[in-house]
Each structure stands twice: as structure tokens, then as C-alpha cells.
Amino acid sequence: MFCLTKPIDSDIARFLERQQTSRLSYSPSDLPKFTVDRQRVVIGNGPSDFVAARAALYDWRMFPPAWTRVYSAGPLKVGLSVAVAIQHLGFWSLNGARVLYELDEEYRSGFAYGTLVDHGERGEELFAVEMDRETGDVIYNLEAASRPAHVMAWFGYPYVRELQARFRRDSAAAMMLR
């Protein structure tokens, strides 16, 4: 959904309601054919930073606040549908996604979501933090497998790739604990 201005609460609520029954925009068997991007960056050190990084993930703080927003109808859990608002080229878009699974291990935590049919892209994105047991380094890991879904994303593919790279950089910066 494209908007000339920042989406208002009533538009977001209607969009989120539609996402509850929406289906994934891809088949998991398609993922090997998609473009894969990865970002790994040390964001802190030690158990307290790991706990803080995990809390940041579950508060969606990895989304750069200057140009993105995440809206949901509840706390993060498997099955939760969200609306991701992105400001680009002077307008906003709302994109639907659903939390597919969570990672909850002693030294690794996070979750992945998959795109719904109301999303400009097709694919999955993993957001995770882990603590290296030897060094204590806390690492933010973002992995995405995607390909354009919307016709505008296909025509603007070079710009889409630039926007994805910007998201990875800005997301890592948003997760920095120091």
C-alpha cells in the first residue's frame, strides 16, 4: 500500500486487520532462488549487553527510526502479523509481514518474519543477536532472502537494492549498544 504522506492510525489499523488472514507471498522452496544479503556486526560485549540487545530486537529497535516504523497488534510472537512502514522517494509504503519462528537459545536469540502478499518484496528476514562464548562479543545478525514482488520494485530494482543496503547499515547502527 502506497501513501503520499505518513500513514495515519486508521489506515494502519485497517491494513493490520487485512494482514491477519493474508498468506505468505512466496513458497519456502523458492528461497534458494532469491538474493541473499547478510549483515553481522559487533554491537556490544558481555551478558548485560546480550540481554539489552535481545530486548532491543523484541522492541523492533533494529528498524531505523528516521525512515521506518513497525506496527503490530500485540507483542512479538510466532504468528504475529505486522505492518512495516517505509519512507522512500518522498512517499510511504506499508508492507505486511508475519513472524514465522523464534530463536531462544542460551547464547542466541531472535526471530524471522516472512513477507505477506501486501509487501513490495517476497522473502524472509532473520533478526538475531548472539554472544560469542570466548570473547563475550555481542553480535547483531541480519539475514534476508528476497526478490521483488511489486511491479514498482521490479522496475526500480537498482534503487531497491540500494534501499536494502541502506537498511542493513542503518539497522546495524540502530542496534549499537555503545
Foldseek 3Di string as FASTA:
>chain_A
DKFLADDDPVVQVVVQVVLLPFDAPDDPVCLVVFDKDKDKDFQDFADVLQVVLQVCQQVVLLFQPVFKDKDWPDGDDASTKIWIWGDDPNIIATWIKGWHDWDDDPFKTWTKIFGTLRHQKGWMKTWMWGADPPGRTIMTMIMITIDGDDPVCVVVVVVVVVVVVVSSVSSSVSSRPD
